[in-house]
C-alpha atoms as a PDB file:
ATOM      1  CA  UNK A   1     -18.697 -39.978 -20.040  1.00  0.00           C
ATOM      2  CA  UNK A   2     -20.315 -36.548 -20.347  1.00  0.00           C
ATOM      3  CA  UNK A   3     -18.535 -33.253 -19.721  1.00  0.00           C
ATOM      4  CA  UNK A   4     -20.066 -31.334 -16.829  1.00  0.00           C
ATOM      5  CA  UNK A   5     -20.712 -27.609 -17.373  1.00  0.00           C
ATOM      6  CA  UNK A   6     -18.609 -25.258 -15.287  1.00  0.00           C
ATOM      7  CA  UNK A   7     -20.331 -22.639 -13.175  1.00  0.00           C
ATOM      8  CA  UNK A   8     -18.546 -19.339 -13.873  1.00  0.00           C
ATOM      9  CA  UNK A   9     -20.824 -16.968 -11.973  1.00  0.00           C
ATOM     10  CA  UNK A  10     -18.915 -14.896  -9.416  1.00  0.00           C
ATOM     11  CA  UNK A  11     -19.459 -15.637  -5.762  1.00  0.00           C
ATOM     12  CA  UNK A  12     -21.314 -12.929  -3.891  1.00  0.00           C
ATOM     13  CA  UNK A  13     -20.049 -11.687  -0.569  1.00  0.00           C
ATOM     14  CA  UNK A  14     -21.418  -9.430   2.132  1.00  0.00           C
ATOM     15  CA  UNK A  15     -18.005  -7.800   2.643  1.00  0.00           C
ATOM     16  CA  UNK A  16     -17.205  -4.569   0.801  1.00  0.00           C
ATOM     17  CA  UNK A  17     -14.935  -4.773  -2.223  1.00  0.00           C
ATOM     18  CA  UNK A  18     -12.109  -3.055  -0.316  1.00  0.00           C
ATOM     19  CA  UNK A  19     -11.911  -6.002   2.071  1.00  0.00           C
ATOM     20  CA  UNK A  20     -12.328  -8.681  -0.599  1.00  0.00           C
ATOM     21  CA  UNK A  21      -9.564 -10.772  -2.140  1.00  0.00           C
ATOM     22  CA  UNK A  22      -7.114 -10.323   0.757  1.00  0.00           C
ATOM     23  CA  UNK A  23      -6.957  -6.541   0.405  1.00  0.00           C
ATOM     24  CA  UNK A  24      -6.676  -5.037   3.844  1.00  0.00           C
ATOM     25  CA  UNK A  25      -6.258  -1.466   5.108  1.00  0.00           C
ATOM     26  CA  UNK A  26      -2.745  -2.289   6.325  1.00  0.00           C
ATOM     27  CA  UNK A  27      -1.658  -2.850   2.726  1.00  0.00           C
ATOM     28  CA  UNK A  28      -3.004   0.605   1.875  1.00  0.00           C
ATOM     29  CA  UNK A  29      -1.163   2.116   4.830  1.00  0.00           C
ATOM     30  CA  UNK A  30       2.037   0.311   3.855  1.00  0.00           C
ATOM     31  CA  UNK A  31       1.776   1.725   0.337  1.00  0.00           C
ATOM     32  CA  UNK A  32       1.189   5.232   1.683  1.00  0.00           C
ATOM     33  CA  UNK A  33       4.175   4.853   4.031  1.00  0.00           C
ATOM     34  CA  UNK A  34       6.333   3.697   1.119  1.00  0.00           C
ATOM     35  CA  UNK A  35       5.342   6.709  -0.984  1.00  0.00           C
ATOM     36  CA  UNK A  36       5.962   9.138   1.871  1.00  0.00           C
ATOM     37  CA  UNK A  37       9.341   7.662   2.780  1.00  0.00           C
ATOM     38  CA  UNK A  38      10.438   7.593  -0.862  1.00  0.00           C
ATOM     39  CA  UNK A  39       9.452  11.259  -1.205  1.00  0.00           C
ATOM     40  CA  UNK A  40      11.433  12.171   1.913  1.00  0.00           C
ATOM     41  CA  UNK A  41      14.414  10.158   0.734  1.00  0.00           C
ATOM     42  CA  UNK A  42      14.375  11.782  -2.707  1.00  0.00           C
ATOM     43  CA  UNK A  43      14.078  15.210  -1.091  1.00  0.00           C
ATOM     44  CA  UNK A  44      17.135  14.549   1.012  1.00  0.00           C
ATOM     45  CA  UNK A  45      19.011  13.016  -1.903  1.00  0.00           C
ATOM     46  CA  UNK A  46      18.345  16.014  -4.135  1.00  0.00           C
ATOM     47  CA  UNK A  47      19.395  18.479  -1.435  1.00  0.00           C
ATOM     48  CA  UNK A  48      16.028  20.064  -0.617  1.00  0.00           C
ATOM     49  CA  UNK A  49      16.736  19.456   3.067  1.00  0.00           C
ATOM     50  CA  UNK A  50      19.272  17.678   5.206  1.00  0.00           C
ATOM     51  CA  UNK A  51      19.169  15.611   8.355  1.00  0.00           C
ATOM     52  CA  UNK A  52      20.814  18.447  10.283  1.00  0.00           C
ATOM     53  CA  UNK A  53      17.786  20.655   9.572  1.00  0.00           C
ATOM     54  CA  UNK A  54      15.361  18.010  10.841  1.00  0.00           C
ATOM     55  CA  UNK A  55      17.176  16.912  14.006  1.00  0.00           C
ATOM     56  CA  UNK A  56      17.770  19.039  17.120  1.00  0.00           C
ATOM     57  CA  UNK A  57      21.262  20.376  17.760  1.00  0.00           C
ATOM     58  CA  UNK A  58      21.828  18.132  20.768  1.00  0.00           C
ATOM     59  CA  UNK A  59      21.990  15.004  18.643  1.00  0.00           C
END
């Protein structure tokens, strides 16, 4: 029984690399949202601003 050679050449695709391998724009947006919300949270935690400054007085 002979060993068959394995084809290791990458498959070519017409889709751009950004859309390949299950990478979608929503993942990029989710990462950007996570960075922005973490920055806002750290700003509030460190005392740069408070919720009272961001919300109107009627709330």
